[in-house]
Amino acid sequence: MAITPGTNLNSVPASLKQTLSTNYLDLSSADNAGWGQQYVPDLMEKEAEVFGPRTISGFLAQVSAEEAMTADQVVWSEQGRLHLSYKAHAFAENKVRLTFDIDEAAGATSGILAVHGVRLNDTVLVSNANGVFKCLVTSIDNDDELTLAAYDGVAFDALAGEKATTVLVYGSEYAKGVGYNAAGAAANVESRGANEPDFKTFTNKPIIMKDFYEVSGSDSSRIGWVEVSTEGGQGGYLWYLKAESDTRARFTDYVEMSMLESVRGSGSNGVDTFLGQAGNDTAVGTQGLFDAIEDRGNVTSGITGVNAATDLAEFDAILAEFDKQGAIEENMMFVNRATSLAMDDMLASMNSYGAGGTSYGVFNNSEDMALNLGFSGFRRGSYDFYKSDFRYLNDLSTRGGINAAAGSNAIRGVIIPAGSSSVYDQTVGASIKRPFLHVRYRASQTDDRRMKTWTTGSVGAATSSLDAMNLHFLTERCLITQGANNFMLMK
């Protein structure tokens, strides 16, 4: 079944800057027979609200916190993994060369991994196409080359290709009465030293966003025939109230959309030149949520060839990935309409009595009540998922319109861990707990730039000789995505 939209569909995405004939009622036109007609038209003065709540803001209010900052950038560090596991290359009999950290991307360039925590007398698991071997580290050469002795005496041969082998340290074994400085190993032991905790440091910077609305003194004192109601709850026959409210609501949406969509500058891109930052690409842009997840998190594109109604396999793959990461048990899913309905169908198909629709949803439906055909959440394994519609991904004038033509790059939703993470904040100088997502805005005792609004001109409180009222909006902020390895972007 196909849905064909009307040929005169009201889908104008935004307000127009100029006054057009479509913006007012012309009683002198042919359609209205002019002022000479003897019958007064019945004017429906109340403006029809046909799009419901038009603003898409509210997502960050549900999943993030806000905190003031005074610096040009935010720097935070995230703890490394506790156990020692590395990708390696078996290049000779019983020898491996450590080439990559276990977290490094699969397409990374091969090279020496001199900074590792493997030491002599460590017992390791070695896994590759030859099998799984339990070995003892007997020598460390050239920093990255390990000579291993298998406990069962079975030798493994060289393998072609980098990252063909995984090495996991699971313990150690020493002979009686032997210390760390065993004969023949003193130099190697001393060079390795004690293992120090590892961490990764990330940064983000705020961006300055501005907008304004202007109305002349004459227009601000002119009464219209259309009764308007604004997004902020105001009402009346002053059209500029509607325009000012729309500008404010649009700016609020821009603030949220920027925190989702923004990217950092990289390479020569022209943006730095336009903003007066020539040759300093890192001074432009900020990293939004979607880019942070693609850069440091997980992306799922679904299970190819599996019907969406029974696509439980995708969630099993997501759970397996979460098990490898932080294993946060409670997660919020913000998804578009198609994905939300597919999840409802998938969950309903798990119910053996759901074929007739009698126990669909909350499982107590009857013929005398409205049938609940939706699910707000479910539990799979040890994970709880709470589902919510993401208006930004559905609205035609926002990501909903972009996704229609984006193909494989369309965003179906995002999975965000609930709760907080413990990180070391270099500004505060301490390890503190914060939500995985939080917004930093620029503020001090002199100026709070979280959401500034001020009025200039001669209308109302006169501040200048301009015969108009200018309303200004400004914010300076960035989004901090901590523990992005626990996030999942659904494409």
Protein backbone atom coordinates (compact mmCIF):
# COMPACT_ATOMS: atom_id res chain seq x y z
CA MET A 1 0.00 0.00 0.00
CA ALA A 2 1.33 3.43 -0.94
CA ILE A 3 0.43 6.81 0.57
CA THR A 4 0.11 9.64 -1.94
CA PRO A 5 0.37 13.13 -0.43
CA GLY A 6 -1.96 15.87 -1.60
CA THR A 7 -0.82 18.11 -4.44
CA ASN A 8 -1.39 21.20 -2.29
CA LEU A 9 0.16 19.82 0.88
CA ASN A 10 1.06 22.44 3.48
CA SER A 11 4.71 21.53 3.87
CA VAL A 12 6.50 24.89 3.82
CA PRO A 13 9.45 24.14 6.13
CA ALA A 14 10.07 27.60 7.56
CA SER A 15 8.95 31.22 7.71
CA LEU A 16 9.70 33.54 4.81
CA LYS A 17 11.71 36.68 5.23
CA GLN A 18 9.55 38.90 2.98
CA THR A 19 5.85 39.77 2.83
CA LEU A 20 4.03 37.89 0.06
CA SER A 21 0.45 37.75 -1.13
CA THR A 22 0.09 34.41 0.61
CA ASN A 23 0.78 36.01 3.99
CA TYR A 24 -2.46 38.03 4.28
CA LEU A 25 -6.10 37.98 3.23
CA ASP A 26 -6.75 40.12 0.13
CA LEU A 27 -10.44 41.07 0.21
CA SER A 28 -10.07 42.80 -3.15
CA SER A 29 -9.06 39.66 -5.01
CA ALA A 30 -11.28 37.85 -7.44
CA ASP A 31 -11.75 34.97 -5.02
CA ASN A 32 -13.30 37.31 -2.43
CA ALA A 33 -15.34 39.44 -4.87
CA GLY A 34 -13.76 42.65 -3.54
CA TRP A 35 -15.07 45.18 -1.01
CA GLY A 36 -18.01 45.96 -3.26
CA GLN A 37 -19.82 42.77 -2.36
CA GLN A 38 -22.95 43.17 -0.21
CA TYR A 39 -22.23 40.20 2.08
CA VAL A 40 -19.58 40.23 4.80
CA PRO A 41 -17.40 37.07 4.73
CA ASP A 42 -17.37 34.85 7.80
CA LEU A 43 -13.75 35.17 8.92
CA MET A 44 -12.26 32.34 10.97
CA GLU A 45 -9.86 34.53 12.88
CA LYS A 46 -8.21 31.78 14.94
CA GLU A 47 -5.05 30.50 13.28
CA ALA A 48 -5.28 26.72 12.78
CA GLU A 49 -2.53 24.72 14.51
CA VAL A 50 -2.03 21.90 12.01
CA PHE A 51 1.43 20.62 12.98
CA GLY A 52 0.92 19.99 16.68
CA PRO A 53 3.98 20.85 18.78
CA ARG A 54 6.38 22.03 16.10
CA THR A 55 9.49 22.22 18.25
CA ILE A 56 11.77 19.17 18.45
CA SER A 57 13.68 20.25 21.58
CA GLY A 58 13.40 18.14 24.70
CA PHE A 59 15.67 15.20 23.91
CA LEU A 60 18.71 16.60 25.73
CA ALA A 61 16.51 17.70 28.63
CA GLN A 62 15.64 14.03 29.22
CA VAL A 63 19.12 12.51 28.96
CA SER A 64 21.62 15.20 29.93
CA ALA A 65 22.54 17.72 32.59
CA GLU A 66 23.94 21.23 32.22
CA GLU A 67 26.99 22.73 33.88
CA ALA A 68 28.80 26.05 33.58
CA MET A 69 32.36 26.43 32.29
CA THR A 70 34.80 29.32 31.92
CA ALA A 71 37.43 27.90 29.54
CA ASP A 72 37.76 27.67 25.76
CA GLN A 73 37.70 23.89 25.85
CA VAL A 74 36.69 20.98 28.05
CA VAL A 75 39.25 18.26 28.74
CA TRP A 76 38.36 14.98 30.40
CA SER A 77 39.95 11.57 30.71
CA GLU A 78 38.38 8.12 30.68
CA GLN A 79 39.84 5.07 32.37
CA GLY A 80 41.50 2.37 30.31
CA ARG A 81 40.73 -1.32 30.46
CA LEU A 82 41.92 -3.27 33.50
CA HIS A 83 43.19 -6.45 31.85
CA LEU A 84 46.03 -6.82 29.36
CA SER A 85 44.84 -8.00 25.95
CA TYR A 86 46.52 -7.25 22.62
CA LYS A 87 46.26 -7.99 18.95
CA ALA A 88 49.40 -9.59 17.58
CA HIS A 89 51.00 -11.22 14.55
CA ALA A 90 52.51 -14.70 14.78
CA PHE A 91 55.63 -14.22 12.67
CA ALA A 92 57.67 -17.31 13.61
CA GLU A 93 57.41 -20.55 15.53
CA ASN A 94 56.21 -19.73 19.05
CA LYS A 95 56.83 -16.01 18.47
CA VAL A 96 54.33 -13.19 18.26
CA ARG A 97 54.75 -9.49 17.58
CA LEU A 98 52.36 -7.21 19.47
CA THR A 99 50.95 -4.81 16.90
CA PHE A 100 47.76 -3.27 18.27
CA ASP A 101 45.86 -2.58 21.43
CA ILE A 102 42.66 -4.63 21.67
CA ASP A 103 40.53 -1.47 21.30
CA GLU A 104 42.26 -0.19 18.17
CA ALA A 105 40.25 -0.07 14.95
CA ALA A 106 40.46 -3.04 12.61
CA GLY A 107 41.73 -0.89 9.75
CA ALA A 108 44.63 0.61 11.69
CA THR A 109 48.13 0.60 10.30
CA SER A 110 50.48 -2.08 11.57
CA GLY A 111 53.43 -1.01 13.70
CA ILE A 112 55.40 -1.61 16.87
CA LEU A 113 53.49 -1.64 20.15
CA ALA A 114 56.43 -0.96 22.45
CA VAL A 115 54.27 0.36 25.28
CA HIS A 116 52.54 -2.72 26.62
CA GLY A 117 52.18 -4.44 29.97
CA VAL A 118 53.35 -7.99 29.13
CA ARG A 119 56.33 -9.11 31.26
CA LEU A 120 58.51 -12.17 31.63
CA ASN A 121 56.91 -15.12 33.45
CA ASP A 122 53.42 -13.95 32.49
CA THR A 123 51.04 -16.72 31.50
CA VAL A 124 49.06 -15.87 28.37
CA LEU A 125 46.28 -17.22 26.19
CA VAL A 126 47.15 -17.12 22.50
CA SER A 127 44.25 -17.49 20.06
CA ASN A 128 44.48 -17.68 16.26
CA ALA A 129 43.59 -19.94 13.36
CA ASN A 130 45.97 -22.61 14.70
CA GLY A 131 43.95 -22.92 17.90
CA VAL A 132 44.05 -21.64 21.49
CA PHE A 133 47.36 -22.05 23.33
CA LYS A 134 48.29 -21.48 26.97
CA CYS A 135 51.84 -20.25 27.13
CA LEU A 136 54.52 -18.71 29.32
CA VAL A 137 56.43 -15.61 28.23
CA THR A 138 60.11 -16.60 28.16
CA SER A 139 61.62 -13.65 26.33
CA ILE A 140 60.81 -10.10 25.24
CA ASP A 141 62.86 -8.91 22.28
CA ASN A 142 62.82 -5.53 20.54
CA ASP A 143 60.12 -4.45 23.00
CA ASP A 144 57.24 -5.77 20.89
CA GLU A 145 58.34 -9.38 20.16
CA LEU A 146 57.37 -12.12 22.60
CA THR A 147 58.85 -15.61 22.67
CA LEU A 148 56.37 -18.05 24.19
CA ALA A 149 56.56 -21.61 25.43
CA ALA A 150 53.35 -23.63 25.24
CA TYR A 151 52.47 -25.66 28.32
CA ASP A 152 51.37 -28.63 26.23
CA GLY A 153 54.50 -28.44 24.08
CA VAL A 154 52.51 -27.80 20.87
CA ALA A 155 54.09 -25.07 18.75
CA PHE A 156 52.09 -22.65 16.65
CA ASP A 157 53.46 -21.48 13.32
CA ALA A 158 53.59 -18.10 11.64
CA LEU A 159 50.36 -16.68 10.25
CA ALA A 160 49.96 -14.27 7.37
CA GLY A 161 48.31 -10.92 8.05
CA GLU A 162 48.24 -8.53 10.95
CA LYS A 163 45.79 -8.92 13.82
CA ALA A 164 45.50 -12.64 13.16
CA THR A 165 46.36 -13.43 16.79
CA THR A 166 45.02 -12.29 20.15
CA VAL A 167 47.18 -12.41 23.28
CA LEU A 168 45.56 -12.26 26.73
CA VAL A 169 47.53 -12.19 29.99
CA TYR A 170 45.75 -14.34 32.57
CA GLY A 171 48.39 -14.73 35.29
CA SER A 172 52.04 -15.59 35.94
CA GLU A 173 54.26 -18.41 37.18
CA TYR A 174 57.71 -18.31 38.83
CA ALA A 175 60.10 -20.99 40.05
CA LYS A 176 60.76 -21.45 43.77
CA GLY A 177 63.03 -18.90 45.33
CA VAL A 178 63.26 -16.81 42.17
CA GLY A 179 62.57 -13.09 42.25
CA TYR A 180 61.85 -10.70 39.44
CA ASN A 181 65.56 -10.40 38.60
CA ALA A 182 65.94 -14.00 37.52
CA ALA A 183 69.20 -14.99 35.83
CA GLY A 184 69.28 -14.10 32.18
CA ALA A 185 66.20 -11.95 32.43
CA ALA A 186 67.35 -9.03 34.55
CA ALA A 187 67.69 -6.57 31.67
CA ASN A 188 64.31 -7.42 30.24
CA VAL A 189 62.56 -7.32 33.61
CA GLU A 190 64.08 -4.00 34.57
CA SER A 191 63.15 -2.46 31.18
CA ARG A 192 59.49 -3.48 31.51
CA GLY A 193 59.03 -2.13 35.03
CA ALA A 194 55.74 -2.00 36.88
CA ASN A 195 52.47 -1.57 35.00
CA GLU A 196 50.90 1.86 35.29
CA PRO A 197 47.18 2.58 34.74
CA ASP A 198 46.34 3.82 31.28
CA PHE A 199 43.70 6.36 30.28
CA LYS A 200 42.53 8.29 27.27
CA THR A 201 42.01 12.03 27.14
CA PHE A 202 39.32 13.75 25.08
CA THR A 203 38.47 17.36 24.41
CA ASN A 204 35.59 19.39 23.04
CA LYS A 205 35.03 23.11 22.56
CA PRO A 206 31.93 25.28 22.69
CA ILE A 207 30.47 27.10 19.71
CA ILE A 208 28.73 30.47 19.70
CA MET A 209 25.23 30.50 18.23
CA LYS A 210 23.20 33.63 17.50
CA ASP A 211 19.85 34.67 16.04
CA PHE A 212 17.64 37.76 16.13
CA TYR A 213 14.18 39.04 15.29
CA GLU A 214 13.32 42.58 14.22
CA VAL A 215 9.97 44.35 14.01
CA SER A 216 9.44 48.02 13.20
CA GLY A 217 7.66 50.34 15.61
CA SER A 218 4.71 50.66 13.23
CA ASP A 219 4.23 46.91 12.83
CA SER A 220 4.50 46.29 16.57
CA SER A 221 1.54 48.64 17.16
CA ARG A 222 -0.61 47.29 14.34
CA ILE A 223 -3.52 44.97 15.13
CA GLY A 224 -4.14 42.08 12.76
CA TRP A 225 -7.31 40.13 12.07
CA VAL A 226 -5.65 36.75 12.69
CA GLU A 227 -5.67 35.59 16.30
CA VAL A 228 -2.41 33.85 17.01
CA SER A 229 -1.20 31.64 19.84
CA THR A 230 2.53 31.31 20.34
CA GLU A 231 4.66 28.33 21.33
CA GLY A 232 5.29 30.11 24.63
CA GLY A 233 1.58 30.34 25.47
CA GLN A 234 0.99 33.97 24.48
CA GLY A 235 -1.98 34.93 22.36
CA GLY A 236 -3.63 37.90 20.71
CA TYR A 237 -3.90 39.83 17.48
CA LEU A 238 -0.33 41.20 17.37
CA TRP A 239 1.39 39.27 14.58
CA TYR A 240 4.88 40.17 15.78
CA LEU A 241 4.22 38.09 18.90
CA LYS A 242 3.86 35.07 16.65
CA ALA A 243 6.99 35.89 14.68
CA GLU A 244 9.08 36.54 17.77
CA SER A 245 7.88 33.33 19.40
CA ASP A 246 8.65 31.30 16.28
CA THR A 247 12.15 32.78 16.12
CA ARG A 248 12.75 31.92 19.76
CA ALA A 249 11.43 28.35 19.33
CA ARG A 250 13.46 27.88 16.15
CA PHE A 251 16.63 29.05 17.91
CA THR A 252 15.97 26.65 20.79
CA ASP A 253 15.69 23.84 18.26
CA TYR A 254 18.89 24.97 16.56
CA VAL A 255 20.68 24.74 19.90
CA GLU A 256 19.57 21.13 20.34
CA MET A 257 20.17 20.14 16.72
CA SER A 258 23.69 21.58 16.88
CA MET A 259 24.48 19.45 19.92
CA LEU A 260 23.36 16.40 17.92
CA GLU A 261 24.74 17.10 14.45
CA SER A 262 27.88 19.26 14.84
CA VAL A 263 31.37 18.09 13.86
CA ARG A 264 34.87 19.40 14.51
CA GLY A 265 36.92 21.02 11.78
CA SER A 266 39.67 18.92 10.22
CA GLY A 267 42.01 19.77 7.36
CA SER A 268 41.64 22.78 5.09
CA ASN A 269 37.91 23.33 4.83
CA GLY A 270 37.24 27.03 4.30
CA VAL A 271 35.21 27.25 7.50
CA ASP A 272 38.27 28.33 9.46
CA THR A 273 39.01 31.09 6.94
CA PHE A 274 35.44 32.41 6.97
CA LEU A 275 35.39 32.49 10.79
CA GLY A 276 38.75 34.24 10.98
CA GLN A 277 40.62 31.13 12.12
CA ALA A 278 42.70 30.48 9.00
CA GLY A 279 45.08 27.56 9.46
CA ASN A 280 43.48 26.61 12.78
CA ASP A 281 40.82 24.08 11.81
CA THR A 282 40.49 22.68 15.33
CA ALA A 283 39.20 26.09 16.47
CA VAL A 284 35.98 25.67 14.50
CA GLY A 285 33.05 23.35 15.08
CA THR A 286 32.23 21.13 18.03
CA GLN A 287 31.64 17.40 18.33
CA GLY A 288 27.96 16.55 18.56
CA LEU A 289 26.35 13.35 19.75
CA PHE A 290 26.11 11.52 16.42
CA ASP A 291 29.73 12.26 15.46
CA ALA A 292 30.99 11.28 18.92
CA ILE A 293 29.27 7.89 18.70
CA GLU A 294 30.57 7.25 15.17
CA ASP A 295 34.06 8.30 16.30
CA ARG A 296 34.31 6.60 19.70
CA GLY A 297 31.19 4.46 20.03
CA ASN A 298 29.30 1.70 18.24
CA VAL A 299 27.20 1.74 15.08
CA THR A 300 24.67 -0.91 14.07
CA SER A 301 23.16 -1.13 10.62
CA GLY A 302 20.80 -4.00 11.43
CA ILE A 303 21.01 -7.62 10.43
CA THR A 304 21.10 -7.95 6.66
CA GLY A 305 18.34 -10.09 5.22
CA VAL A 306 16.39 -10.44 8.48
CA ASN A 307 12.78 -9.33 8.61
CA ALA A 308 12.36 -6.32 10.91
CA ALA A 309 9.38 -7.96 12.64
CA THR A 310 11.58 -10.79 13.95
CA ASP A 311 14.89 -8.94 14.13
CA LEU A 312 15.77 -10.07 17.63
CA ALA A 313 19.15 -11.08 16.23
CA GLU A 314 20.13 -7.41 15.98
CA PHE A 315 19.52 -6.90 19.69
CA ASP A 316 21.50 -10.02 20.50
CA ALA A 317 24.40 -8.54 18.52
CA ILE A 318 23.98 -5.24 20.38
CA LEU A 319 24.03 -7.08 23.72
CA ALA A 320 27.17 -8.94 22.73
CA GLU A 321 28.87 -5.63 21.92
CA PHE A 322 27.70 -4.05 25.18
CA ASP A 323 29.14 -7.04 27.04
CA LYS A 324 32.53 -6.14 25.55
CA GLN A 325 32.18 -2.56 26.73
CA GLY A 326 30.82 -1.15 29.99
CA ALA A 327 27.79 -3.47 30.26
CA ILE A 328 25.45 -0.71 31.47
CA GLU A 329 22.23 -2.58 32.23
CA GLU A 330 19.68 0.21 31.70
CA ASN A 331 19.54 1.92 28.31
CA MET A 332 17.27 4.46 26.67
CA MET A 333 16.34 4.01 23.00
CA PHE A 334 15.26 7.07 21.02
CA VAL A 335 14.10 5.85 17.61
CA ASN A 336 12.14 6.96 14.56
CA ARG A 337 8.63 5.77 13.82
CA ALA A 338 9.53 2.89 11.48
CA THR A 339 12.01 1.43 13.96
CA SER A 340 9.59 1.86 16.84
CA LEU A 341 6.85 -0.05 15.01
CA ALA A 342 9.30 -2.76 13.93
CA MET A 343 10.28 -3.24 17.58
CA ASP A 344 6.61 -3.49 18.58
CA ASP A 345 6.04 -6.17 15.93
CA MET A 346 9.21 -7.99 16.96
CA LEU A 347 8.17 -8.07 20.62
CA ALA A 348 4.60 -9.08 19.77
CA SER A 349 5.88 -12.01 17.71
CA MET A 350 7.57 -13.32 20.87
CA ASN A 351 4.12 -13.78 22.47
CA SER A 352 2.60 -17.14 21.56
CA TYR A 353 -0.92 -15.77 22.10
CA GLY A 354 -0.38 -12.66 20.03
CA ALA A 355 -1.42 -14.04 16.62
CA GLY A 356 -5.01 -12.85 17.07
CA GLY A 357 -4.01 -9.60 18.74
CA THR A 358 -5.88 -10.43 21.93
CA SER A 359 -2.93 -10.19 24.28
CA TYR A 360 -0.81 -7.71 22.38
CA GLY A 361 0.87 -4.95 24.39
CA VAL A 362 0.26 -5.05 28.13
CA PHE A 363 -1.22 -8.58 27.85
CA ASN A 364 -4.57 -7.75 29.47
CA ASN A 365 -6.48 -6.32 26.52
CA SER A 366 -10.16 -7.05 26.12
CA GLU A 367 -12.86 -6.27 23.56
CA ASP A 368 -14.15 -3.47 25.81
CA MET A 369 -10.95 -1.45 25.90
CA ALA A 370 -8.66 0.25 23.41
CA LEU A 371 -6.20 -2.26 22.07
CA ASN A 372 -2.64 -1.48 23.12
CA LEU A 373 -0.40 -2.33 20.17
CA GLY A 374 2.81 -0.83 21.50
CA PHE A 375 5.62 -1.57 23.91
CA SER A 376 7.49 1.01 25.97
CA GLY A 377 10.37 -1.29 26.88
CA PHE A 378 11.62 -4.82 27.26
CA ARG A 379 14.33 -6.87 28.95
CA ARG A 380 16.73 -9.10 27.05
CA GLY A 381 19.42 -11.01 28.90
CA SER A 382 20.52 -8.74 31.75
CA TYR A 383 19.74 -5.51 29.84
CA ASP A 384 16.68 -3.26 30.10
CA PHE A 385 15.71 -1.15 27.09
CA TYR A 386 13.21 1.71 27.38
CA LYS A 387 11.85 2.90 24.04
CA SER A 388 10.78 6.43 23.17
CA ASP A 389 9.92 8.15 19.89
CA PHE A 390 12.48 10.69 18.67
CA ARG A 391 10.54 13.51 17.02
CA TYR A 392 13.70 14.90 15.43
CA LEU A 393 14.04 11.72 13.36
CA ASN A 394 10.40 11.84 12.22
CA ASP A 395 9.68 15.49 11.42
CA LEU A 396 9.71 16.23 7.69
CA SER A 397 11.44 19.57 8.18
CA THR A 398 14.29 18.09 10.29
CA ARG A 399 16.08 14.70 10.15
CA GLY A 400 12.90 13.00 8.97
CA GLY A 401 13.26 14.74 5.61
CA ILE A 402 17.00 14.09 5.41
CA ASN A 403 16.63 10.40 6.25
CA ALA A 404 14.18 9.91 3.36
CA ALA A 405 17.03 10.41 0.88
CA ALA A 406 20.00 9.33 3.01
CA GLY A 407 19.85 5.60 2.22
CA SER A 408 22.30 3.63 4.35
CA ASN A 409 23.35 6.85 6.10
CA ALA A 410 19.87 7.41 7.52
CA ILE A 411 19.77 7.40 11.33
CA ARG A 412 17.12 5.11 12.82
CA GLY A 413 17.81 5.93 16.44
CA VAL A 414 20.30 6.04 19.25
CA ILE A 415 20.80 3.92 22.37
CA ILE A 416 22.04 5.88 25.38
CA PRO A 417 23.09 4.37 28.72
CA ALA A 418 21.19 5.55 31.78
CA GLY A 419 22.96 6.64 34.93
CA SER A 420 26.31 8.36 35.36
CA SER A 421 29.99 7.72 34.73
CA SER A 422 33.03 8.42 36.90
CA VAL A 423 35.71 10.45 35.13
CA TYR A 424 38.64 12.65 36.05
CA ASP A 425 37.81 16.28 35.31
CA GLN A 426 40.99 18.28 34.80
CA THR A 427 39.17 21.57 35.38
CA VAL A 428 37.89 20.50 38.79
CA GLY A 429 40.99 18.44 39.50
CA ALA A 430 39.12 15.46 40.90
CA SER A 431 37.34 12.26 39.90
CA ILE A 432 33.62 12.99 39.83
CA LYS A 433 30.40 11.40 38.65
CA ARG A 434 28.42 12.95 35.81
CA PRO A 435 25.72 11.77 33.42
CA PHE A 436 27.09 10.14 30.30
CA LEU A 437 25.74 13.14 28.42
CA HIS A 438 25.93 16.67 29.71
CA VAL A 439 26.04 20.15 28.22
CA ARG A 440 28.71 22.67 29.13
CA TYR A 441 27.85 26.34 28.63
CA ARG A 442 30.03 29.42 29.08
CA ALA A 443 29.22 31.46 32.18
CA SER A 444 30.85 33.63 34.81
CA GLN A 445 29.78 36.19 37.38
CA THR A 446 29.85 38.80 34.61
CA ASP A 447 28.02 37.03 31.81
CA ASP A 448 25.86 33.91 31.69
CA ARG A 449 25.79 32.62 28.11
CA ARG A 450 23.60 29.57 28.69
CA MET A 451 20.70 31.21 26.86
CA LYS A 452 20.98 34.98 26.60
CA THR A 453 18.07 37.13 25.41
CA TRP A 454 18.10 40.92 25.22
CA THR A 455 16.16 43.67 23.46
CA THR A 456 17.46 46.76 21.67
CA GLY A 457 15.74 49.60 19.79
CA SER A 458 13.10 52.20 20.67
CA VAL A 459 10.03 49.94 21.03
CA GLY A 460 9.19 49.24 24.66
CA ALA A 461 12.21 50.09 26.79
CA ALA A 462 14.10 52.45 24.47
CA THR A 463 17.83 51.73 24.20
CA SER A 464 18.64 53.41 20.87
CA SER A 465 17.20 55.72 18.20
CA LEU A 466 16.25 52.78 15.97
CA ASP A 467 12.50 52.84 15.26
CA ALA A 468 12.25 49.08 15.72
CA MET A 469 12.58 46.34 18.29
CA ASN A 470 15.43 43.86 17.95
CA LEU A 471 15.32 40.69 20.02
CA HIS A 472 18.68 38.93 20.24
CA PHE A 473 19.39 35.32 21.17
CA LEU A 474 22.82 33.88 21.97
CA THR A 475 24.32 30.78 23.52
CA GLU A 476 27.82 29.32 23.80
CA ARG A 477 27.91 25.63 24.59
CA CYS A 478 29.11 22.15 23.71
CA LEU A 479 28.00 18.57 24.42
CA ILE A 480 30.21 16.23 26.42
CA THR A 481 29.77 12.55 25.49
CA GLN A 482 31.49 10.47 28.16
CA GLY A 483 31.94 6.75 27.74
CA ALA A 484 30.90 6.77 24.09
CA ASN A 485 31.85 3.07 23.93
CA ASN A 486 28.56 2.43 25.78
CA PHE A 487 26.47 4.22 23.13
CA MET A 488 24.96 2.72 19.98
CA LEU A 489 23.98 4.63 16.84
CA MET A 490 21.32 2.81 14.78
CA LYS A 491 21.68 3.43 11.04
